[in-house]
Amino acid sequence: MDTKTTLSISEARKKIFKIAKEVQKPSRHYTLTEKGKPKVVVMSAEEFESWQETLEVTRDFPNLEKDIKKELELLNKIAGH
């Protein structure tokens, strides 16, 4: 955990407006802790939507990298003839 962006929930409550502004920066998030253990991650709505889209794609196309490689090999064979 990055100590710069890790705060207790109690401390985060005092700084919520600053945190809300900070997480708007690309790839910035805060980890909020309770009794020293990670409990919650705060990120921008835009970043969250991006994560959701990525998860959706990996669910819909679990072998995407392998499928792309197979198609590229096929295209190379076709182009070679």
Protein backbone atom coordinates (compact mmCIF):
# COMPACT_ATOMS: atom_id res chain seq x y z
CA MET A 1 0.00 0.00 0.00
CA ASP A 2 1.21 3.47 -0.82
CA THR A 3 1.35 5.44 2.42
CA LYS A 4 0.67 8.68 0.55
CA THR A 5 -2.73 7.43 -0.56
CA THR A 6 -3.58 5.19 2.38
CA LEU A 7 -5.65 6.71 5.15
CA SER A 8 -7.82 5.52 7.96
CA ILE A 9 -11.52 5.90 7.30
CA SER A 10 -11.66 8.43 10.15
CA GLU A 11 -8.90 10.53 8.57
CA ALA A 12 -10.51 10.24 5.13
CA ARG A 13 -13.77 11.55 6.54
CA LYS A 14 -11.97 14.79 7.45
CA LYS A 15 -10.38 15.05 3.98
CA ILE A 16 -13.17 13.74 1.75
CA PHE A 17 -13.33 16.82 -0.50
CA LYS A 18 -9.54 16.76 -1.03
CA ILE A 19 -9.68 13.03 -1.76
CA ALA A 20 -12.56 13.52 -4.22
CA LYS A 21 -10.46 16.10 -6.06
CA GLU A 22 -7.26 14.03 -5.97
CA VAL A 23 -8.82 10.88 -7.42
CA GLN A 24 -9.77 12.82 -10.55
CA LYS A 25 -6.11 12.61 -11.57
CA PRO A 26 -5.28 9.67 -13.86
CA SER A 27 -4.59 6.38 -12.05
CA ARG A 28 -4.97 7.99 -8.60
CA HIS A 29 -6.85 6.16 -5.89
CA TYR A 30 -6.97 6.05 -2.12
CA THR A 31 -7.07 2.99 0.09
CA LEU A 32 -9.05 3.54 3.26
CA THR A 33 -8.27 1.39 6.25
CA GLU A 34 -10.08 0.25 9.37
CA LYS A 35 -7.94 -0.91 12.28
CA GLY A 36 -4.95 -0.80 9.93
CA LYS A 37 -6.43 -3.17 7.35
CA PRO A 38 -7.51 -2.14 3.83
CA LYS A 39 -11.29 -1.79 3.75
CA VAL A 40 -12.27 0.48 0.83
CA VAL A 41 -10.74 1.91 -2.34
CA VAL A 42 -11.81 5.35 -3.56
CA MET A 43 -11.34 6.17 -7.25
CA SER A 44 -12.96 8.48 -9.78
CA ALA A 45 -16.20 7.42 -11.43
CA GLU A 46 -14.41 7.52 -14.80
CA GLU A 47 -11.67 5.17 -13.57
CA PHE A 48 -14.28 2.85 -12.06
CA GLU A 49 -16.22 2.70 -15.34
CA SER A 50 -12.98 1.90 -17.16
CA TRP A 51 -12.29 -1.00 -14.77
CA GLN A 52 -15.84 -2.28 -15.25
CA GLU A 53 -15.46 -2.20 -19.04
CA THR A 54 -12.15 -4.06 -18.82
CA LEU A 55 -13.67 -6.75 -16.61
CA GLU A 56 -16.61 -7.08 -18.98
CA VAL A 57 -14.33 -7.57 -21.98
CA THR A 58 -12.24 -10.18 -20.17
CA ARG A 59 -15.43 -12.05 -19.24
CA ASP A 60 -16.85 -11.85 -22.77
CA PHE A 61 -13.53 -12.80 -24.44
CA PRO A 62 -11.53 -14.90 -21.96
CA ASN A 63 -9.07 -16.03 -24.66
CA LEU A 64 -8.77 -12.70 -26.46
CA GLU A 65 -4.97 -12.67 -26.69
CA LYS A 66 -4.89 -16.25 -28.00
CA ASP A 67 -7.71 -15.51 -30.47
CA ILE A 68 -5.92 -12.43 -31.83
CA LYS A 69 -2.70 -14.40 -32.26
CA LYS A 70 -4.56 -17.16 -34.13
CA GLU A 71 -6.24 -14.65 -36.46
CA LEU A 72 -2.94 -12.85 -37.14
CA GLU A 73 -1.34 -16.17 -38.08
CA LEU A 74 -4.24 -16.87 -40.43
CA LEU A 75 -3.94 -13.41 -42.02
CA ASN A 76 -0.19 -13.92 -42.48
CA LYS A 77 -0.81 -17.25 -44.24
CA ILE A 78 -3.40 -15.67 -46.54
CA ALA A 79 -1.16 -12.68 -47.30
CA GLY A 80 1.79 -15.00 -48.00
CA HIS A 81 -0.03 -16.78 -50.83
